Amino acid sequence: MMMLLPLFAGQVCAAQGTPIFDGKTLAGWRVSDPAYSYLWKVQDGMLVGGDAEKKVPVNSYLYTEAEYTNFEFRCLFRLSGDTTGFVNSGIQYRSNLQDNNMVGYQADIGNGYWGDIYDEHRRGKLISGDLTVLKSLLDPFGWNSYIVRCNGQRHELYINGVKTADYIEKDTSVPQKGVIGIQIHSGGKALVYVKNVAIEPLP
């Protein structure tokens, strides 16, 4: 059953939890491959990936120095770019850096992938996002909210307060701890903005 949370794109979704972005610098964050640090910056209190003018050459990730196990992550995001190319992003979680790439879960962002849970550089798509309710609330190139709730083996995703995915991890060998990250996908002239970034640890 779909579940609606009292949170929509126009609201400040970081009111709960501890901010993990100071709004001014990249303190506490790193870029997966330093050679592509130019893809990331802070602008007007937002984390920004890409520029919508040059094609993103590789998948790049801005990720936290801190690691998390059980948590509720919240942010506002906006994805834009040249739609003739591949415009896509995502929120990495319980992920780890390997050879300048992120390996781990991703809460997907972008046309054809909204609300999916993808296992980046490991198993591929784990579950498709349910857009039954979300399709009437989503602004594909405007501001939307994301909640990633991870507790034990259960993973829940919410976009604009609508649950898109509810996944139970059955493979106990998959790491249950890792970083939070933001992806800018290669292949298109993409631009992603993220703000009001906060996390609330869960027992």
C-alpha atoms as a PDB file:
ATOM      1  CA  MET A   1       0.000   0.000   0.000  1.00  0.00           C
ATOM      2  CA  MET A   2       1.187   3.508  -0.793  1.00  0.00           C
ATOM      3  CA  MET A   3       2.028   5.667   2.203  1.00  0.00           C
ATOM      4  CA  LEU A   4       1.907   9.455   2.264  1.00  0.00           C
ATOM      5  CA  LEU A   5       4.204  11.340   4.618  1.00  0.00           C
ATOM      6  CA  PRO A   6       3.558  14.955   5.673  1.00  0.00           C
ATOM      7  CA  LEU A   7       6.301  16.219   3.383  1.00  0.00           C
ATOM      8  CA  PHE A   8       6.165  17.685  -0.090  1.00  0.00           C
ATOM      9  CA  ALA A   9       8.555  19.420  -2.457  1.00  0.00           C
ATOM     10  CA  GLY A  10       7.736  22.929  -1.287  1.00  0.00           C
ATOM     11  CA  GLN A  11       8.531  22.187   2.342  1.00  0.00           C
ATOM     12  CA  VAL A  12      11.874  22.337   4.117  1.00  0.00           C
ATOM     13  CA  CYS A  13      12.591  18.641   4.485  1.00  0.00           C
ATOM     14  CA  ALA A  14      15.695  18.984   6.652  1.00  0.00           C
ATOM     15  CA  ALA A  15      13.743  20.213   9.664  1.00  0.00           C
ATOM     16  CA  GLN A  16      14.234  16.771  11.208  1.00  0.00           C
ATOM     17  CA  GLY A  17      17.649  15.270  11.766  1.00  0.00           C
ATOM     18  CA  THR A  18      21.155  16.701  11.811  1.00  0.00           C
ATOM     19  CA  PRO A  19      22.396  18.769   8.834  1.00  0.00           C
ATOM     20  CA  ILE A  20      25.351  17.114   7.079  1.00  0.00           C
ATOM     21  CA  PHE A  21      26.061  20.006   4.707  1.00  0.00           C
ATOM     22  CA  ASP A  22      26.979  23.424   6.095  1.00  0.00           C
ATOM     23  CA  GLY A  23      25.574  25.292   3.092  1.00  0.00           C
ATOM     24  CA  LYS A  24      28.877  27.060   2.430  1.00  0.00           C
ATOM     25  CA  THR A  25      31.684  24.557   1.848  1.00  0.00           C
ATOM     26  CA  LEU A  26      32.348  20.932   0.955  1.00  0.00           C
ATOM     27  CA  ALA A  27      33.673  20.257   4.459  1.00  0.00           C
ATOM     28  CA  GLY A  28      32.888  16.662   5.370  1.00  0.00           C
ATOM     29  CA  TRP A  29      32.440  15.647   1.726  1.00  0.00           C
ATOM     30  CA  ARG A  30      34.772  14.143  -0.883  1.00  0.00           C
ATOM     31  CA  VAL A  31      34.676  13.548  -4.636  1.00  0.00           C
ATOM     32  CA  SER A  32      34.975   9.931  -5.748  1.00  0.00           C
ATOM     33  CA  ASP A  33      37.695  10.693  -8.307  1.00  0.00           C
ATOM     34  CA  PRO A  34      39.627  13.915  -7.542  1.00  0.00           C
ATOM     35  CA  ALA A  35      40.302  14.340 -11.281  1.00  0.00           C
ATOM     36  CA  TYR A  36      36.646  15.283 -11.664  1.00  0.00           C
ATOM     37  CA  SER A  37      36.354  17.588  -8.672  1.00  0.00           C
ATOM     38  CA  TYR A  38      35.461  20.387 -11.106  1.00  0.00           C
ATOM     39  CA  LEU A  39      32.050  18.762 -11.534  1.00  0.00           C
ATOM     40  CA  TRP A  40      31.096  19.690  -7.953  1.00  0.00           C
ATOM     41  CA  LYS A  41      30.677  22.980  -6.137  1.00  0.00           C
ATOM     42  CA  VAL A  42      28.651  24.875  -3.555  1.00  0.00           C
ATOM     43  CA  GLN A  43      26.364  27.570  -4.910  1.00  0.00           C
ATOM     44  CA  ASP A  44      23.732  29.630  -3.062  1.00  0.00           C
ATOM     45  CA  GLY A  45      23.586  27.153  -0.177  1.00  0.00           C
ATOM     46  CA  MET A  46      23.272  24.118  -2.456  1.00  0.00           C
ATOM     47  CA  LEU A  47      25.444  21.201  -3.498  1.00  0.00           C
ATOM     48  CA  VAL A  48      25.723  21.345  -7.286  1.00  0.00           C
ATOM     49  CA  GLY A  49      26.879  18.632  -9.691  1.00  0.00           C
ATOM     50  CA  GLY A  50      27.484  19.245 -13.408  1.00  0.00           C
ATOM     51  CA  ASP A  51      26.661  22.445 -15.295  1.00  0.00           C
ATOM     52  CA  ALA A  52      24.123  21.473 -18.016  1.00  0.00           C
ATOM     53  CA  GLU A  53      26.516  22.827 -20.661  1.00  0.00           C
ATOM     54  CA  LYS A  54      29.230  20.172 -20.936  1.00  0.00           C
ATOM     55  CA  LYS A  55      28.554  16.457 -21.189  1.00  0.00           C
ATOM     56  CA  VAL A  56      29.409  14.667 -17.949  1.00  0.00           C
ATOM     57  CA  PRO A  57      32.374  12.430 -18.917  1.00  0.00           C
ATOM     58  CA  VAL A  58      32.109   9.814 -16.157  1.00  0.00           C
ATOM     59  CA  ASN A  59      29.805   8.884 -13.319  1.00  0.00           C
ATOM     60  CA  SER A  60      30.938  11.101 -10.467  1.00  0.00           C
ATOM     61  CA  TYR A  61      29.954  11.077  -6.809  1.00  0.00           C
ATOM     62  CA  LEU A  62      30.154  13.579  -3.975  1.00  0.00           C
ATOM     63  CA  TYR A  63      30.085  11.569  -0.752  1.00  0.00           C
ATOM     64  CA  THR A  64      30.257  11.989   3.002  1.00  0.00           C
ATOM     65  CA  GLU A  65      33.351  11.238   5.010  1.00  0.00           C
ATOM     66  CA  ALA A  66      31.090   9.758   7.689  1.00  0.00           C
ATOM     67  CA  GLU A  67      29.458   6.348   7.385  1.00  0.00           C
ATOM     68  CA  TYR A  68      25.942   5.414   8.440  1.00  0.00           C
ATOM     69  CA  THR A  69      24.058   2.192   9.159  1.00  0.00           C
ATOM     70  CA  ASN A  70      20.427   2.810  10.179  1.00  0.00           C
ATOM     71  CA  PHE A  71      19.082   6.259   9.349  1.00  0.00           C
ATOM     72  CA  GLU A  72      16.508   8.496   7.740  1.00  0.00           C
ATOM     73  CA  PHE A  73      18.124  10.757   5.139  1.00  0.00           C
ATOM     74  CA  ARG A  74      16.292  13.819   3.792  1.00  0.00           C
ATOM     75  CA  CYS A  75      16.989  16.380   1.099  1.00  0.00           C
ATOM     76  CA  LEU A  76      15.470  18.556  -1.567  1.00  0.00           C
ATOM     77  CA  PHE A  77      16.758  18.045  -5.099  1.00  0.00           C
ATOM     78  CA  ARG A  78      16.358  19.419  -8.585  1.00  0.00           C
ATOM     79  CA  LEU A  79      17.566  17.710 -11.763  1.00  0.00           C
ATOM     80  CA  SER A  80      17.861  19.497 -15.097  1.00  0.00           C
ATOM     81  CA  GLY A  81      19.841  19.401 -18.316  1.00  0.00           C
ATOM     82  CA  ASP A  82      19.708  18.742 -22.033  1.00  0.00           C
ATOM     83  CA  THR A  83      17.027  16.061 -22.423  1.00  0.00           C
ATOM     84  CA  THR A  84      18.508  14.893 -25.747  1.00  0.00           C
ATOM     85  CA  GLY A  85      21.192  13.219 -23.613  1.00  0.00           C
ATOM     86  CA  PHE A  86      21.040  11.045 -20.516  1.00  0.00           C
ATOM     87  CA  VAL A  87      20.088  13.233 -17.555  1.00  0.00           C
ATOM     88  CA  ASN A  88      20.203  11.199 -14.366  1.00  0.00           C
ATOM     89  CA  SER A  89      21.295  11.382 -10.744  1.00  0.00           C
ATOM     90  CA  GLY A  90      20.759   9.536  -7.496  1.00  0.00           C
ATOM     91  CA  ILE A  91      21.365   9.371  -3.769  1.00  0.00           C
ATOM     92  CA  GLN A  92      23.953   6.758  -2.808  1.00  0.00           C
ATOM     93  CA  TYR A  93      23.609   5.155   0.611  1.00  0.00           C
ATOM     94  CA  ARG A  94      25.313   2.348   2.489  1.00  0.00           C
ATOM     95  CA  SER A  95      27.910   2.706  -0.247  1.00  0.00           C
ATOM     96  CA  ASN A  96      31.687   2.404  -0.355  1.00  0.00           C
ATOM     97  CA  LEU A  97      34.388   3.775  -2.642  1.00  0.00           C
ATOM     98  CA  GLN A  98      36.208   1.246  -4.817  1.00  0.00           C
ATOM     99  CA  ASP A  99      38.575   2.322  -7.597  1.00  0.00           C
ATOM    100  CA  ASN A 100      37.087   5.835  -7.717  1.00  0.00           C
ATOM    101  CA  ASN A 101      33.566   4.437  -8.085  1.00  0.00           C
ATOM    102  CA  MET A 102      30.712   3.999  -5.652  1.00  0.00           C
ATOM    103  CA  VAL A 103      29.538   0.492  -4.872  1.00  0.00           C
ATOM    104  CA  GLY A 104      26.259   0.314  -3.027  1.00  0.00           C
ATOM    105  CA  TYR A 105      22.621   1.230  -2.953  1.00  0.00           C
ATOM    106  CA  GLN A 106      21.222   4.160  -4.893  1.00  0.00           C
ATOM    107  CA  ALA A 107      17.874   5.939  -4.641  1.00  0.00           C
ATOM    108  CA  ASP A 108      17.461   6.806  -8.314  1.00  0.00           C
ATOM    109  CA  ILE A 109      16.574  10.188  -9.845  1.00  0.00           C
ATOM    110  CA  GLY A 110      15.585  10.746 -13.460  1.00  0.00           C
ATOM    111  CA  ASN A 111      13.109   9.916 -16.193  1.00  0.00           C
ATOM    112  CA  GLY A 112      12.453   6.182 -16.353  1.00  0.00           C
ATOM    113  CA  TYR A 113      14.151   5.597 -13.007  1.00  0.00           C
ATOM    114  CA  TRP A 114      12.242   7.689 -10.452  1.00  0.00           C
ATOM    115  CA  GLY A 115      12.159   6.024  -7.059  1.00  0.00           C
ATOM    116  CA  ASP A 116      14.014   2.867  -8.121  1.00  0.00           C
ATOM    117  CA  ILE A 117      16.502   1.198  -5.802  1.00  0.00           C
ATOM    118  CA  TYR A 118      19.622   0.451  -7.830  1.00  0.00           C
ATOM    119  CA  ASP A 119      22.680  -1.428  -6.605  1.00  0.00           C
ATOM    120  CA  GLU A 120      25.476   0.634  -8.162  1.00  0.00           C
ATOM    121  CA  HIS A 121      28.399  -1.333  -9.639  1.00  0.00           C
ATOM    122  CA  ARG A 122      27.154  -4.526  -8.039  1.00  0.00           C
ATOM    123  CA  ARG A 123      23.779  -6.131  -8.880  1.00  0.00           C
ATOM    124  CA  GLY A 124      21.920  -3.483 -10.894  1.00  0.00           C
ATOM    125  CA  LYS A 125      18.279  -2.573 -10.333  1.00  0.00           C
ATOM    126  CA  LEU A 126      16.775  -4.198  -7.253  1.00  0.00           C
ATOM    127  CA  ILE A 127      13.243  -2.803  -7.392  1.00  0.00           C
ATOM    128  CA  SER A 128      11.339  -0.395  -9.652  1.00  0.00           C
ATOM    129  CA  GLY A 129       9.776   2.715  -8.205  1.00  0.00           C
ATOM    130  CA  ASP A 130       5.976   2.692  -7.936  1.00  0.00           C
ATOM    131  CA  LEU A 131       4.784   5.873  -9.666  1.00  0.00           C
ATOM    132  CA  THR A 132       1.037   5.220  -9.282  1.00  0.00           C
ATOM    133  CA  VAL A 133       0.594   8.203  -6.937  1.00  0.00           C
ATOM    134  CA  LEU A 134       3.881  10.004  -7.498  1.00  0.00           C
ATOM    135  CA  LYS A 135       3.248  10.732 -11.192  1.00  0.00           C
ATOM    136  CA  SER A 136       0.672  13.362 -10.255  1.00  0.00           C
ATOM    137  CA  LEU A 137       2.983  15.080  -7.723  1.00  0.00           C
ATOM    138  CA  LEU A 138       6.398  14.866  -9.367  1.00  0.00           C
ATOM    139  CA  ASP A 139       7.967  17.896 -11.041  1.00  0.00           C
ATOM    140  CA  PRO A 140      10.592  16.225 -13.288  1.00  0.00           C
ATOM    141  CA  PHE A 141      12.734  19.359 -13.654  1.00  0.00           C
ATOM    142  CA  GLY A 142      11.634  21.244 -10.537  1.00  0.00           C
ATOM    143  CA  TRP A 143      12.239  20.848  -6.828  1.00  0.00           C
ATOM    144  CA  ASN A 144      11.258  17.570  -5.202  1.00  0.00           C
ATOM    145  CA  SER A 145      11.992  15.956  -1.852  1.00  0.00           C
ATOM    146  CA  TYR A 146      13.649  12.634  -1.140  1.00  0.00           C
ATOM    147  CA  ILE A 147      13.572  10.510   1.995  1.00  0.00           C
ATOM    148  CA  VAL A 148      15.722   7.401   2.240  1.00  0.00           C
ATOM    149  CA  ARG A 149      14.888   5.330   5.288  1.00  0.00           C
ATOM    150  CA  CYS A 150      17.177   2.397   6.033  1.00  0.00           C
ATOM    151  CA  ASN A 151      16.660   0.234   9.112  1.00  0.00           C
ATOM    152  CA  GLY A 152      18.205  -3.209   9.288  1.00  0.00           C
ATOM    153  CA  GLN A 153      17.409  -5.107   6.092  1.00  0.00           C
ATOM    154  CA  ARG A 154      14.500  -2.832   5.165  1.00  0.00           C
ATOM    155  CA  HIS A 155      14.934   0.033   2.682  1.00  0.00           C
ATOM    156  CA  GLU A 156      12.159   2.586   2.035  1.00  0.00           C
ATOM    157  CA  LEU A 157      12.198   5.456  -0.463  1.00  0.00           C
ATOM    158  CA  TYR A 158       9.829   8.434  -0.524  1.00  0.00           C
ATOM    159  CA  ILE A 159       9.659  11.189  -3.137  1.00  0.00           C
ATOM    160  CA  ASN A 160       7.449  14.168  -2.240  1.00  0.00           C
ATOM    161  CA  GLY A 161       6.076  12.157   0.664  1.00  0.00           C
ATOM    162  CA  VAL A 162       5.009   9.218  -1.498  1.00  0.00           C
ATOM    163  CA  LYS A 163       6.532   5.803  -0.893  1.00  0.00           C
ATOM    164  CA  THR A 164       8.023   4.528  -4.152  1.00  0.00           C
ATOM    165  CA  ALA A 165       9.963   1.513  -2.922  1.00  0.00           C
ATOM    166  CA  ASP A 166       9.951  -0.878   0.019  1.00  0.00           C
ATOM    167  CA  TYR A 167      12.746  -3.414  -0.256  1.00  0.00           C
ATOM    168  CA  ILE A 168      13.979  -6.154   2.064  1.00  0.00           C
ATOM    169  CA  GLU A 169      17.611  -7.149   1.569  1.00  0.00           C
ATOM    170  CA  LYS A 170      17.891 -10.926   1.815  1.00  0.00           C
ATOM    171  CA  ASP A 171      21.614 -11.188   1.080  1.00  0.00           C
ATOM    172  CA  THR A 172      23.291 -10.934   4.483  1.00  0.00           C
ATOM    173  CA  SER A 173      26.731 -10.618   2.862  1.00  0.00           C
ATOM    174  CA  VAL A 174      25.924  -7.122   1.541  1.00  0.00           C
ATOM    175  CA  PRO A 175      27.498  -4.411   3.763  1.00  0.00           C
ATOM    176  CA  GLN A 176      24.979  -2.667   6.002  1.00  0.00           C
ATOM    177  CA  LYS A 177      27.132   0.397   6.618  1.00  0.00           C
ATOM    178  CA  GLY A 178      28.512   3.026   4.269  1.00  0.00           C
ATOM    179  CA  VAL A 179      28.580   6.596   3.087  1.00  0.00           C
ATOM    180  CA  ILE A 180      25.865   8.861   1.711  1.00  0.00           C
ATOM    181  CA  GLY A 181      26.578  10.270  -1.741  1.00  0.00           C
ATOM    182  CA  ILE A 182      25.154  12.230  -4.646  1.00  0.00           C
ATOM    183  CA  GLN A 183      25.663  11.006  -8.183  1.00  0.00           C
ATOM    184  CA  ILE A 184      25.853  12.920 -11.446  1.00  0.00           C
ATOM    185  CA  HIS A 185      25.526  10.375 -14.254  1.00  0.00           C
ATOM    186  CA  SER A 186      27.681  10.382 -17.360  1.00  0.00           C
ATOM    187  CA  GLY A 187      26.383  10.638 -20.913  1.00  0.00           C
ATOM    188  CA  GLY A 188      24.447  13.887 -20.845  1.00  0.00           C
ATOM    189  CA  LYS A 189      24.618  17.597 -20.094  1.00  0.00           C
ATOM    190  CA  ALA A 190      23.156  17.151 -16.645  1.00  0.00           C
ATOM    191  CA  LEU A 191      22.872  19.418 -13.614  1.00  0.00           C
ATOM    192  CA  VAL A 192      21.709  18.450 -10.137  1.00  0.00           C
ATOM    193  CA  TYR A 193      21.064  20.713  -7.152  1.00  0.00           C
ATOM    194  CA  VAL A 194      20.716  19.330  -3.617  1.00  0.00           C
ATOM    195  CA  LYS A 195      19.908  21.290  -0.472  1.00  0.00           C
ATOM    196  CA  ASN A 196      18.469  20.935   3.059  1.00  0.00           C
ATOM    197  CA  VAL A 197      20.563  17.805   3.517  1.00  0.00           C
ATOM    198  CA  ALA A 198      20.054  16.094   6.879  1.00  0.00           C
ATOM    199  CA  ILE A 199      20.179  12.681   8.469  1.00  0.00           C
ATOM    200  CA  GLU A 200      18.582  11.190  11.554  1.00  0.00           C
ATOM    201  CA  PRO A 201      20.248   8.065  12.968  1.00  0.00           C
ATOM    202  CA  LEU A 202      17.879   5.211  13.826  1.00  0.00           C
ATOM    203  CA  PRO A 203      18.421   2.616  16.551  1.00  0.00           C
END
